[in-house]
Amino acid sequence: PNSEPTLKFIDFKLGNVCNLKCRICGSWSSSKWAQEE
């Protein structure tokens, strides 16, 4: 925990462009859901 921060792992959510509208999802992760909302 005393180490200097070094970026080794990157989790890219590459936007919410999606072709599905899963029931447990929403506009935050699906462009299709955004339009439905």
Full PDB file with SEQRES, HELIX, SHEET, SSBOND, CRYST1, ORIGX, SCALE, CONECT and MASTER records, all heavy atoms in Angstrom:
SEQRES   1 A   37  PRO ASN SER GLU PRO THR LEU LYS PHE ILE ASP PHE LYS          
SEQRES   2 A   37  LEU GLY ASN VAL CYS ASN LEU LYS CYS ARG ILE CYS GLY          
SEQRES   3 A   37  SER TRP SER SER SER LYS TRP ALA GLN GLU GLU                  
HELIX    1 AA1 SER A   31  GLU A   36  1                                   6    
CRYST1    1.000    1.000    1.000  90.00  90.00  90.00 P 1           1          
ORIGX1      1.000000  0.000000  0.000000        0.00000                         
ORIGX2      0.000000  1.000000  0.000000        0.00000                         
ORIGX3      0.000000  0.000000  1.000000        0.00000                         
SCALE1      1.000000  0.000000  0.000000        0.00000                         
SCALE2      0.000000  1.000000  0.000000        0.00000                         
SCALE3      0.000000  0.000000  1.000000        0.00000                         
ATOM      1  N   PRO A   1       0.808  -1.231   0.000  1.00  0.00           N  
ATOM      2  CA  PRO A   1       0.000   0.000   0.000  1.00  0.00           C  
ATOM      3  C   PRO A   1       0.839   1.278   0.000  1.00  0.00           C  
ATOM      4  O   PRO A   1       0.295   2.368  -0.176  1.00  0.00           O  
ATOM      5  CB  PRO A   1      -0.816  -0.131   1.295  1.00  0.00           C  
ATOM      6  CG  PRO A   1      -0.919  -1.595   1.531  1.00  0.00           C  
ATOM      7  CD  PRO A   1       0.407  -2.140   1.093  1.00  0.00           C  
ATOM      8  N   ASN A   2       2.129   1.146   0.181  1.00  0.00           N  
ATOM      9  CA  ASN A   2       3.014   2.316   0.125  1.00  0.00           C  
ATOM     10  C   ASN A   2       3.676   2.493  -1.234  1.00  0.00           C  
ATOM     11  O   ASN A   2       4.483   3.412  -1.419  1.00  0.00           O  
ATOM     12  CB  ASN A   2       4.092   2.208   1.213  1.00  0.00           C  
ATOM     13  CG  ASN A   2       3.512   2.294   2.622  1.00  0.00           C  
ATOM     14  OD1 ASN A   2       2.671   3.148   2.892  1.00  0.00           O  
ATOM     15  ND2 ASN A   2       3.945   1.405   3.500  1.00  0.00           N  
ATOM     16  N   SER A   3       3.352   1.610  -2.176  1.00  0.00           N  
ATOM     17  CA  SER A   3       3.926   1.711  -3.517  1.00  0.00           C  
ATOM     18  C   SER A   3       3.386   2.930  -4.254  1.00  0.00           C  
ATOM     19  O   SER A   3       2.284   3.429  -3.959  1.00  0.00           O  
ATOM     20  CB  SER A   3       3.589   0.452  -4.323  1.00  0.00           C  
ATOM     21  OG  SER A   3       4.148  -0.703  -3.736  1.00  0.00           O  
ATOM     22  N   GLU A   4       4.157   3.400  -5.230  1.00  0.00           N  
ATOM     23  CA  GLU A   4       3.693   4.475  -6.091  1.00  0.00           C  
ATOM     24  C   GLU A   4       2.677   3.924  -7.095  1.00  0.00           C  
ATOM     25  O   GLU A   4       2.809   2.776  -7.543  1.00  0.00           O  
ATOM     26  CB  GLU A   4       4.872   5.100  -6.850  1.00  0.00           C  
ATOM     27  CG  GLU A   4       5.789   5.947  -5.983  1.00  0.00           C  
ATOM     28  CD  GLU A   4       5.058   7.142  -5.379  1.00  0.00           C  
ATOM     29  OE1 GLU A   4       4.353   7.846  -6.133  1.00  0.00           O  
ATOM     30  OE2 GLU A   4       5.187   7.353  -4.160  1.00  0.00           O  
ATOM     31  N   PRO A   5       1.651   4.705  -7.458  1.00  0.00           N  
ATOM     32  CA  PRO A   5       0.677   4.216  -8.444  1.00  0.00           C  
ATOM     33  C   PRO A   5       1.319   4.011  -9.814  1.00  0.00           C  
ATOM     34  O   PRO A   5       2.052   4.871 -10.302  1.00  0.00           O  
ATOM     35  CB  PRO A   5      -0.381   5.324  -8.477  1.00  0.00           C  
ATOM     36  CG  PRO A   5       0.297   6.536  -7.944  1.00  0.00           C  
ATOM     37  CD  PRO A   5       1.320   6.056  -6.970  1.00  0.00           C  
ATOM     38  N   THR A   6       1.066   2.852 -10.400  1.00  0.00           N  
ATOM     39  CA  THR A   6       1.547   2.526 -11.742  1.00  0.00           C  
ATOM     40  C   THR A   6       0.413   1.870 -12.496  1.00  0.00           C  
ATOM     41  O   THR A   6      -0.110   0.836 -12.073  1.00  0.00           O  
ATOM     42  CB  THR A   6       2.750   1.557 -11.681  1.00  0.00           C  
ATOM     43  OG1 THR A   6       3.800   2.152 -10.916  1.00  0.00           O  
ATOM     44  CG2 THR A   6       3.267   1.264 -13.088  1.00  0.00           C  
ATOM     45  N   LEU A   7       0.013   2.449 -13.605  1.00  0.00           N  
ATOM     46  CA  LEU A   7      -1.146   1.961 -14.351  1.00  0.00           C  
ATOM     47  C   LEU A   7      -0.797   0.672 -15.090  1.00  0.00           C  
ATOM     48  O   LEU A   7      -0.047   0.684 -16.065  1.00  0.00           O  
ATOM     49  CB  LEU A   7      -1.619   3.025 -15.343  1.00  0.00           C  
ATOM     50  CG  LEU A   7      -2.953   2.743 -16.050  1.00  0.00           C  
ATOM     51  CD1 LEU A   7      -4.079   2.616 -15.034  1.00  0.00           C  
ATOM     52  CD2 LEU A   7      -3.271   3.861 -17.036  1.00  0.00           C  
ATOM     53  N   LYS A   8      -1.353  -0.437 -14.593  1.00  0.00           N  
ATOM     54  CA  LYS A   8      -1.102  -1.734 -15.204  1.00  0.00           C  
ATOM     55  C   LYS A   8      -2.359  -2.372 -15.786  1.00  0.00           C  
ATOM     56  O   LYS A   8      -2.272  -3.260 -16.635  1.00  0.00           O  
ATOM     57  CB  LYS A   8      -0.496  -2.691 -14.167  1.00  0.00           C  
ATOM     58  CG  LYS A   8       0.880  -2.272 -13.682  1.00  0.00           C  
ATOM     59  CD  LYS A   8       1.461  -3.329 -12.751  1.00  0.00           C  
ATOM     60  CE  LYS A   8       2.878  -2.951 -12.321  1.00  0.00           C  
ATOM     61  NZ  LYS A   8       3.490  -4.015 -11.481  1.00  0.00           N  
ATOM     62  N   PHE A   9      -3.509  -1.924 -15.298  1.00  0.00           N  
ATOM     63  CA  PHE A   9      -4.771  -2.537 -15.696  1.00  0.00           C  
ATOM     64  C   PHE A   9      -5.754  -1.439 -16.097  1.00  0.00           C  
ATOM     65  O   PHE A   9      -6.029  -0.540 -15.307  1.00  0.00           O  
ATOM     66  CB  PHE A   9      -5.349  -3.362 -14.541  1.00  0.00           C  
ATOM     67  CG  PHE A   9      -4.407  -4.384 -13.996  1.00  0.00           C  
ATOM     68  CD1 PHE A   9      -3.496  -4.043 -13.002  1.00  0.00           C  
ATOM     69  CD2 PHE A   9      -4.399  -5.676 -14.479  1.00  0.00           C  
ATOM     70  CE1 PHE A   9      -2.605  -4.971 -12.492  1.00  0.00           C  
ATOM     71  CE2 PHE A   9      -3.507  -6.617 -13.980  1.00  0.00           C  
ATOM     72  CZ  PHE A   9      -2.609  -6.264 -12.989  1.00  0.00           C  
ATOM     73  N   ILE A  10      -6.266  -1.524 -17.320  1.00  0.00           N  
ATOM     74  CA  ILE A  10      -7.228  -0.528 -17.805  1.00  0.00           C  
ATOM     75  C   ILE A  10      -8.510  -1.232 -18.207  1.00  0.00           C  
ATOM     76  O   ILE A  10      -8.504  -2.165 -19.015  1.00  0.00           O  
ATOM     77  CB  ILE A  10      -6.674   0.262 -19.009  1.00  0.00           C  
ATOM     78  CG1 ILE A  10      -5.305   0.870 -18.698  1.00  0.00           C  
ATOM     79  CG2 ILE A  10      -7.656   1.364 -19.397  1.00  0.00           C  
ATOM     80  CD1 ILE A  10      -4.683   1.610 -19.872  1.00  0.00           C  
ATOM     81  N   ASP A  11      -9.603  -0.784 -17.610  1.00  0.00           N  
ATOM     82  CA  ASP A  11     -10.939  -1.306 -17.920  1.00  0.00           C  
ATOM     83  C   ASP A  11     -11.648  -0.261 -18.777  1.00  0.00           C  
ATOM     84  O   ASP A  11     -12.058   0.781 -18.277  1.00  0.00           O  
ATOM     85  CB  ASP A  11     -11.683  -1.568 -16.608  1.00  0.00           C  
ATOM     86  CG  ASP A  11     -13.093  -2.105 -16.819  1.00  0.00           C  
ATOM     87  OD1 ASP A  11     -13.556  -2.156 -17.970  1.00  0.00           O  
ATOM     88  OD2 ASP A  11     -13.744  -2.449 -15.819  1.00  0.00           O  
ATOM     89  N   PHE A  12     -11.758  -0.540 -20.059  1.00  0.00           N  
ATOM     90  CA  PHE A  12     -12.371   0.396 -20.988  1.00  0.00           C  
ATOM     91  C   PHE A  12     -13.840   0.055 -21.198  1.00  0.00           C  
ATOM     92  O   PHE A  12     -14.166  -0.992 -21.771  1.00  0.00           O  
ATOM     93  CB  PHE A  12     -11.687   0.341 -22.361  1.00  0.00           C  
ATOM     94  CG  PHE A  12     -10.414   1.112 -22.458  1.00  0.00           C  
ATOM     95  CD1 PHE A  12      -9.200   0.461 -22.549  1.00  0.00           C  
ATOM     96  CD2 PHE A  12     -10.421   2.496 -22.475  1.00  0.00           C  
ATOM     97  CE1 PHE A  12      -8.014   1.162 -22.651  1.00  0.00           C  
ATOM     98  CE2 PHE A  12      -9.240   3.213 -22.577  1.00  0.00           C  
ATOM     99  CZ  PHE A  12      -8.036   2.544 -22.663  1.00  0.00           C  
ATOM    100  N   LYS A  13     -14.722   0.919 -20.740  1.00  0.00           N  
ATOM    101  CA  LYS A  13     -16.109   0.862 -21.189  1.00  0.00           C  
ATOM    102  C   LYS A  13     -16.182   1.810 -22.375  1.00  0.00           C  
ATOM    103  O   LYS A  13     -16.202   3.029 -22.217  1.00  0.00           O  
ATOM    104  CB  LYS A  13     -17.065   1.277 -20.071  1.00  0.00           C  
ATOM    105  CG  LYS A  13     -17.233   0.193 -19.024  1.00  0.00           C  
ATOM    106  CD  LYS A  13     -18.284   0.559 -18.016  1.00  0.00           C  
ATOM    107  CE  LYS A  13     -18.636  -0.646 -17.157  1.00  0.00           C  
ATOM    108  NZ  LYS A  13     -17.470  -1.278 -16.532  1.00  0.00           N  
ATOM    109  N   LEU A  14     -16.214   1.245 -23.542  1.00  0.00           N  
ATOM    110  CA  LEU A  14     -16.041   2.024 -24.767  1.00  0.00           C  
ATOM    111  C   LEU A  14     -17.340   2.691 -25.196  1.00  0.00           C  
ATOM    112  O   LEU A  14     -17.787   2.572 -26.334  1.00  0.00           O  
ATOM    113  CB  LEU A  14     -15.501   1.119 -25.877  1.00  0.00           C  
ATOM    114  CG  LEU A  14     -14.118   0.523 -25.596  1.00  0.00           C  
ATOM    115  CD1 LEU A  14     -13.792  -0.581 -26.589  1.00  0.00           C  
ATOM    116  CD2 LEU A  14     -13.059   1.603 -25.630  1.00  0.00           C  
ATOM    117  N   GLY A  15     -17.962   3.402 -24.259  1.00  0.00           N  
ATOM    118  CA  GLY A  15     -19.231   4.048 -24.554  1.00  0.00           C  
ATOM    119  C   GLY A  15     -20.388   3.096 -24.338  1.00  0.00           C  
ATOM    120  O   GLY A  15     -20.227   1.940 -23.946  1.00  0.00           O  
ATOM    121  N   ASN A  16     -21.599   3.584 -24.595  1.00  0.00           N  
ATOM    122  CA  ASN A  16     -22.790   2.749 -24.376  1.00  0.00           C  
ATOM    123  C   ASN A  16     -23.424   2.285 -25.681  1.00  0.00           C  
ATOM    124  O   ASN A  16     -24.590   1.881 -25.702  1.00  0.00           O  
ATOM    125  CB  ASN A  16     -23.816   3.492 -23.514  1.00  0.00           C  
ATOM    126  CG  ASN A  16     -24.399   4.722 -24.207  1.00  0.00           C  
ATOM    127  OD1 ASN A  16     -23.970   5.104 -25.299  1.00  0.00           O  
ATOM    128  ND2 ASN A  16     -25.371   5.352 -23.572  1.00  0.00           N  
ATOM    129  N   VAL A  17     -22.660   2.324 -26.775  1.00  0.00           N  
ATOM    130  CA  VAL A  17     -23.182   1.840 -28.055  1.00  0.00           C  
ATOM    131  C   VAL A  17     -23.464   0.345 -27.930  1.00  0.00           C  
ATOM    132  O   VAL A  17     -22.568  -0.453 -27.637  1.00  0.00           O  
ATOM    133  CB  VAL A  17     -22.180   2.104 -29.193  1.00  0.00           C  
ATOM    134  CG1 VAL A  17     -22.669   1.472 -30.496  1.00  0.00           C  
ATOM    135  CG2 VAL A  17     -21.970   3.598 -29.377  1.00  0.00           C  
ATOM    136  N   CYS A  18     -24.720  -0.025 -28.107  1.00  0.00           N  
ATOM    137  CA  CYS A  18     -25.114  -1.421 -27.926  1.00  0.00           C  
ATOM    138  C   CYS A  18     -26.347  -1.711 -28.774  1.00  0.00           C  
ATOM    139  O   CYS A  18     -27.171  -0.825 -29.031  1.00  0.00           O  
ATOM    140  CB  CYS A  18     -25.409  -1.703 -26.450  1.00  0.00           C  
ATOM    141  SG  CYS A  18     -25.646  -3.459 -26.076  1.00  0.00           S  
ATOM    142  N   ASN A  19     -26.473  -2.967 -29.167  1.00  0.00           N  
ATOM    143  CA  ASN A  19     -27.610  -3.390 -29.980  1.00  0.00           C  
ATOM    144  C   ASN A  19     -28.700  -4.072 -29.157  1.00  0.00           C  
ATOM    145  O   ASN A  19     -29.710  -4.493 -29.707  1.00  0.00           O  
ATOM    146  CB  ASN A  19     -27.142  -4.328 -31.097  1.00  0.00           C  
ATOM    147  CG  ASN A  19     -26.417  -5.553 -30.560  1.00  0.00           C  
ATOM    148  OD1 ASN A  19     -25.852  -5.522 -29.466  1.00  0.00           O  
ATOM    149  ND2 ASN A  19     -26.427  -6.633 -31.314  1.00  0.00           N  
ATOM    150  N   LEU A  20     -28.488  -4.182 -27.833  1.00  0.00           N  
ATOM    151  CA  LEU A  20     -29.476  -4.838 -26.981  1.00  0.00           C  
ATOM    152  C   LEU A  20     -30.005  -3.878 -25.914  1.00  0.00           C  
ATOM    153  O   LEU A  20     -29.393  -2.852 -25.619  1.00  0.00           O  
ATOM    154  CB  LEU A  20     -28.874  -6.071 -26.288  1.00  0.00           C  
ATOM    155  CG  LEU A  20     -28.335  -7.190 -27.178  1.00  0.00           C  
ATOM    156  CD1 LEU A  20     -27.931  -8.387 -26.320  1.00  0.00           C  
ATOM    157  CD2 LEU A  20     -29.347  -7.610 -28.238  1.00  0.00           C  
ATOM    158  N   LYS A  21     -31.138  -4.279 -25.329  1.00  0.00           N  
ATOM    159  CA  LYS A  21     -31.761  -3.535 -24.227  1.00  0.00           C  
ATOM    160  C   LYS A  21     -32.096  -4.537 -23.120  1.00  0.00           C  
ATOM    161  O   LYS A  21     -33.253  -4.894 -22.917  1.00  0.00           O  
ATOM    162  CB  LYS A  21     -33.017  -2.814 -24.704  1.00  0.00           C  
ATOM    163  CG  LYS A  21     -32.792  -1.833 -25.835  1.00  0.00           C  
ATOM    164  CD  LYS A  21     -34.068  -1.105 -26.231  1.00  0.00           C  
ATOM    165  CE  LYS A  21     -35.017  -1.989 -27.012  1.00  0.00           C  
ATOM    166  NZ  LYS A  21     -36.194  -1.234 -27.540  1.00  0.00           N  
ATOM    167  N   CYS A  22     -31.057  -5.011 -22.434  1.00  0.00           N  
ATOM    168  CA  CYS A  22     -31.248  -6.054 -21.431  1.00  0.00           C  
ATOM    169  C   CYS A  22     -32.071  -5.524 -20.252  1.00  0.00           C  
ATOM    170  O   CYS A  22     -31.928  -4.370 -19.854  1.00  0.00           O  
ATOM    171  CB  CYS A  22     -29.897  -6.561 -20.940  1.00  0.00           C  
ATOM    172  SG  CYS A  22     -28.856  -7.200 -22.275  1.00  0.00           S  
ATOM    173  N   ARG A  23     -32.898  -6.393 -19.695  1.00  0.00           N  
ATOM    174  CA  ARG A  23     -33.799  -5.977 -18.614  1.00  0.00           C  
ATOM    175  C   ARG A  23     -33.056  -5.437 -17.393  1.00  0.00           C  
ATOM    176  O   ARG A  23     -33.578  -4.588 -16.678  1.00  0.00           O  
ATOM    177  CB  ARG A  23     -34.687  -7.157 -18.196  1.00  0.00           C  
ATOM    178  CG  ARG A  23     -35.736  -7.545 -19.231  1.00  0.00           C  
ATOM    179  CD  ARG A  23     -36.930  -6.640 -19.192  1.00  0.00           C  
ATOM    180  NE  ARG A  23     -37.904  -6.961 -20.241  1.00  0.00           N  
ATOM    181  CZ  ARG A  23     -39.213  -6.729 -20.139  1.00  0.00           C  
ATOM    182  NH1 ARG A  23     -39.699  -6.163 -19.057  1.00  0.00           N  
ATOM    183  NH2 ARG A  23     -40.012  -7.035 -21.131  1.00  0.00           N  
ATOM    184  N   ILE A  24     -31.847  -5.944 -17.142  1.00  0.00           N  
ATOM    185  CA  ILE A  24     -31.100  -5.507 -15.964  1.00  0.00           C  
ATOM    186  C   ILE A  24     -30.115  -4.394 -16.307  1.00  0.00           C  
ATOM    187  O   ILE A  24     -29.183  -4.117 -15.537  1.00  0.00           O  
ATOM    188  CB  ILE A  24     -30.362  -6.685 -15.308  1.00  0.00           C  
ATOM    189  CG1 ILE A  24     -29.413  -7.351 -16.301  1.00  0.00           C  
ATOM    190  CG2 ILE A  24     -31.366  -7.678 -14.744  1.00  0.00           C  
ATOM    191  CD1 ILE A  24     -28.497  -8.385 -15.666  1.00  0.00           C  
ATOM    192  N   CYS A  25     -30.321  -3.754 -17.431  1.00  0.00           N  
ATOM    193  CA  CYS A  25     -29.440  -2.671 -17.868  1.00  0.00           C  
ATOM    194  C   CYS A  25     -30.250  -1.378 -17.938  1.00  0.00           C  
ATOM    195  O   CYS A  25     -31.373  -1.277 -17.459  1.00  0.00           O  
ATOM    196  CB  CYS A  25     -28.815  -3.022 -19.217  1.00  0.00           C  
ATOM    197  SG  CYS A  25     -27.444  -1.949 -19.710  1.00  0.00           S  
ATOM    198  N   GLY A  26     -29.659  -0.346 -18.532  1.00  0.00           N  
ATOM    199  CA  GLY A  26     -30.331   0.940 -18.683  1.00  0.00           C  
ATOM    200  C   GLY A  26     -29.523   1.839 -19.590  1.00  0.00           C  
ATOM    201  O   GLY A  26     -28.541   1.414 -20.213  1.00  0.00           O  
ATOM    202  N   SER A  27     -29.900   3.096 -19.653  1.00  0.00           N  
ATOM    203  CA  SER A  27     -29.272   4.034 -20.582  1.00  0.00           C  
ATOM    204  C   SER A  27     -27.795   4.231 -20.300  1.00  0.00           C  
ATOM    205  O   SER A  27     -27.029   4.614 -21.184  1.00  0.00           O  
ATOM    206  CB  SER A  27     -29.994   5.387 -20.528  1.00  0.00           C  
ATOM    207  OG  SER A  27     -29.998   5.913 -19.210  1.00  0.00           O  
ATOM    208  N   TRP A  28     -27.361   3.964 -19.046  1.00  0.00           N  
ATOM    209  CA  TRP A  28     -25.951   4.146 -18.695  1.00  0.00           C  
ATOM    210  C   TRP A  28     -25.036   3.185 -19.471  1.00  0.00           C  
ATOM    211  O   TRP A  28     -23.861   3.471 -19.654  1.00  0.00           O  
ATOM    212  CB  TRP A  28     -25.754   3.962 -17.192  1.00  0.00           C  
ATOM    213  CG  TRP A  28     -26.141   2.618 -16.674  1.00  0.00           C  
ATOM    214  CD1 TRP A  28     -25.359   1.498 -16.580  1.00  0.00           C  
ATOM    215  CD2 TRP A  28     -27.428   2.232 -16.174  1.00  0.00           C  
ATOM    216  NE1 TRP A  28     -26.069   0.451 -16.064  1.00  0.00           N  
ATOM    217  CE2 TRP A  28     -27.337   0.864 -15.800  1.00  0.00           C  
ATOM    218  CE3 TRP A  28     -28.646   2.905 -15.994  1.00  0.00           C  
ATOM    219  CZ2 TRP A  28     -28.420   0.167 -15.265  1.00  0.00           C  
ATOM    220  CZ3 TRP A  28     -29.717   2.203 -15.460  1.00  0.00           C  
ATOM    221  CH2 TRP A  28     -29.599   0.856 -15.103  1.00  0.00           C  
ATOM    222  N   SER A  29     -25.577   2.042 -19.946  1.00  0.00           N  
ATOM    223  CA  SER A  29     -24.739   1.068 -20.654  1.00  0.00           C  
ATOM    224  C   SER A  29     -25.281   0.663 -22.010  1.00  0.00           C  
ATOM    225  O   SER A  29     -24.696  -0.194 -22.671  1.00  0.00           O  
ATOM    226  CB  SER A  29     -24.555  -0.201 -19.808  1.00  0.00           C  
ATOM    227  OG  SER A  29     -23.651   0.026 -18.754  1.00  0.00           O  
ATOM    228  N   SER A  30     -26.380   1.258 -22.442  1.00  0.00           N  
ATOM    229  CA  SER A  30     -26.966   0.867 -23.721  1.00  0.00           C  
ATOM    230  C   SER A  30     -27.620   2.053 -24.404  1.00  0.00           C  
ATOM    231  O   SER A  30     -28.552   2.667 -23.875  1.00  0.00           O  
ATOM    232  CB  SER A  30     -28.017  -0.237 -23.506  1.00  0.00           C  
ATOM    233  OG  SER A  30     -28.793  -0.424 -24.677  1.00  0.00           O  
ATOM    234  N   SER A  31     -27.149   2.361 -25.608  1.00  0.00           N  
ATOM    235  CA  SER A  31     -27.743   3.437 -26.396  1.00  0.00           C  
ATOM    236  C   SER A  31     -29.176   3.091 -26.792  1.00  0.00           C  
ATOM    237  O   SER A  31     -30.032   3.981 -26.901  1.00  0.00           O  
ATOM    238  CB  SER A  31     -26.896   3.696 -27.647  1.00  0.00           C  
ATOM    239  OG  SER A  31     -26.658   2.484 -28.371  1.00  0.00           O  
ATOM    240  N   LYS A  32     -29.452   1.809 -26.992  1.00  0.00           N  
ATOM    241  CA  LYS A  32     -30.819   1.383 -27.315  1.00  0.00           C  
ATOM    242  C   LYS A  32     -31.752   1.644 -26.136  1.00  0.00           C  
ATOM    243  O   LYS A  32     -32.902   2.071 -26.314  1.00  0.00           O  
ATOM    244  CB  LYS A  32     -30.828  -0.107 -27.676  1.00  0.00           C  
ATOM    245  CG  LYS A  32     -30.160  -0.453 -28.994  1.00  0.00           C  
ATOM    246  CD  LYS A  32     -30.998  -0.013 -30.180  1.00  0.00           C  
ATOM    247  CE  LYS A  32     -30.419  -0.532 -31.481  1.00  0.00           C  
ATOM    248  NZ  LYS A  32     -31.191  -0.079 -32.656  1.00  0.00           N  
ATOM    249  N   TRP A  33     -31.261   1.380 -24.930  1.00  0.00           N  
ATOM    250  CA  TRP A  33     -32.057   1.651 -23.735  1.00  0.00           C  
ATOM    251  C   TRP A  33     -32.297   3.150 -23.586  1.00  0.00           C  
ATOM    252  O   TRP A  33     -33.398   3.591 -23.203  1.00  0.00           O  
ATOM    253  CB  TRP A  33     -31.351   1.132 -22.483  1.00  0.00           C  
ATOM    254  CG  TRP A  33     -32.025  -0.008 -21.784  1.00  0.00           C  
ATOM    255  CD1 TRP A  33     -31.507  -1.233 -21.535  1.00  0.00           C  
ATOM    256  CD2 TRP A  33     -33.348  -0.026 -21.229  1.00  0.00           C  
ATOM    257  NE1 TRP A  33     -32.420  -2.020 -20.860  1.00  0.00           N  
ATOM    258  CE2 TRP A  33     -33.552  -1.297 -20.657  1.00  0.00           C  
ATOM    259  CE3 TRP A  33     -34.383   0.910 -21.165  1.00  0.00           C  
ATOM    260  CZ2 TRP A  33     -34.748  -1.661 -20.028  1.00  0.00           C  
ATOM    261  CZ3 TRP A  33     -35.576   0.553 -20.533  1.00  0.00           C  
ATOM    262  CH2 TRP A  33     -35.749  -0.719 -19.979  1.00  0.00           C  
ATOM    263  N   ALA A  34     -31.280   3.951 -23.875  1.00  0.00           N  
ATOM    264  CA  ALA A  34     -31.422   5.405 -23.744  1.00  0.00           C  
ATOM    265  C   ALA A  34     -32.572   5.908 -24.604  1.00  0.00           C  
ATOM    266  O   ALA A  34     -33.402   6.718 -24.162  1.00  0.00           O  
ATOM    267  CB  ALA A  34     -30.120   6.099 -24.131  1.00  0.00           C  
ATOM    268  N   GLN A  35     -32.647   5.404 -25.838  1.00  0.00           N  
ATOM    269  CA  GLN A  35     -33.724   5.826 -26.719  1.00  0.00           C  
ATOM    270  C   GLN A  35     -35.085   5.362 -26.209  1.00  0.00           C  
ATOM    271  O   GLN A  35     -36.077   6.096 -26.275  1.00  0.00           O  
ATOM    272  CB  GLN A  35     -33.501   5.293 -28.143  1.00  0.00           C  
ATOM    273  CG  GLN A  35     -34.501   5.818 -29.170  1.00  0.00           C  
ATOM    274  CD  GLN A  35     -34.509   7.331 -29.247  1.00  0.00           C  
ATOM    275  OE1 GLN A  35     -33.483   7.949 -29.541  1.00  0.00           O  
ATOM    276  NE2 GLN A  35     -35.653   7.954 -28.970  1.00  0.00           N  
ATOM    277  N   GLU A  36     -35.141   4.146 -25.655  1.00  0.00           N  
ATOM    278  CA  GLU A  36     -36.405   3.649 -25.117  1.00  0.00           C  
ATOM    279  C   GLU A  36     -36.851   4.485 -23.918  1.00  0.00           C  
ATOM    280  O   GLU A  36     -38.046   4.810 -23.785  1.00  0.00           O  
ATOM    281  CB  GLU A  36     -36.277   2.177 -24.717  1.00  0.00           C  
ATOM    282  CG  GLU A  36     -37.583   1.595 -24.195  1.00  0.00           C  
ATOM    283  CD  GLU A  36     -37.580   0.074 -24.112  1.00  0.00           C  
ATOM    284  OE1 GLU A  36     -36.955  -0.582 -24.965  1.00  0.00           O  
ATOM    285  OE2 GLU A  36     -38.224  -0.458 -23.193  1.00  0.00           O  
ATOM    286  N   GLU A  37     -35.919   4.866 -23.045  1.00  0.00           N  
ATOM    287  CA  GLU A  37     -36.262   5.687 -21.890  1.00  0.00           C  
ATOM    288  C   GLU A  37     -36.764   7.064 -22.331  1.00  0.00           C  
ATOM    289  O   GLU A  37     -37.670   7.633 -21.700  1.00  0.00           O  
ATOM    290  CB  GLU A  37     -35.053   5.819 -20.972  1.00  0.00           C  
ATOM    291  CG  GLU A  37     -34.710   4.518 -20.244  1.00  0.00           C  
ATOM    292  CD  GLU A  37     -33.451   4.626 -19.397  1.00  0.00           C  
ATOM    293  OE1 GLU A  37     -32.944   5.755 -19.229  1.00  0.00           O  
ATOM    294  OE2 GLU A  37     -32.980   3.592 -18.898  1.00  0.00           O  
TER     295      GLU A  37                                                      
MASTER        0    0    0    1    0    0    0    6  294    1    0    3          
END                                                                             
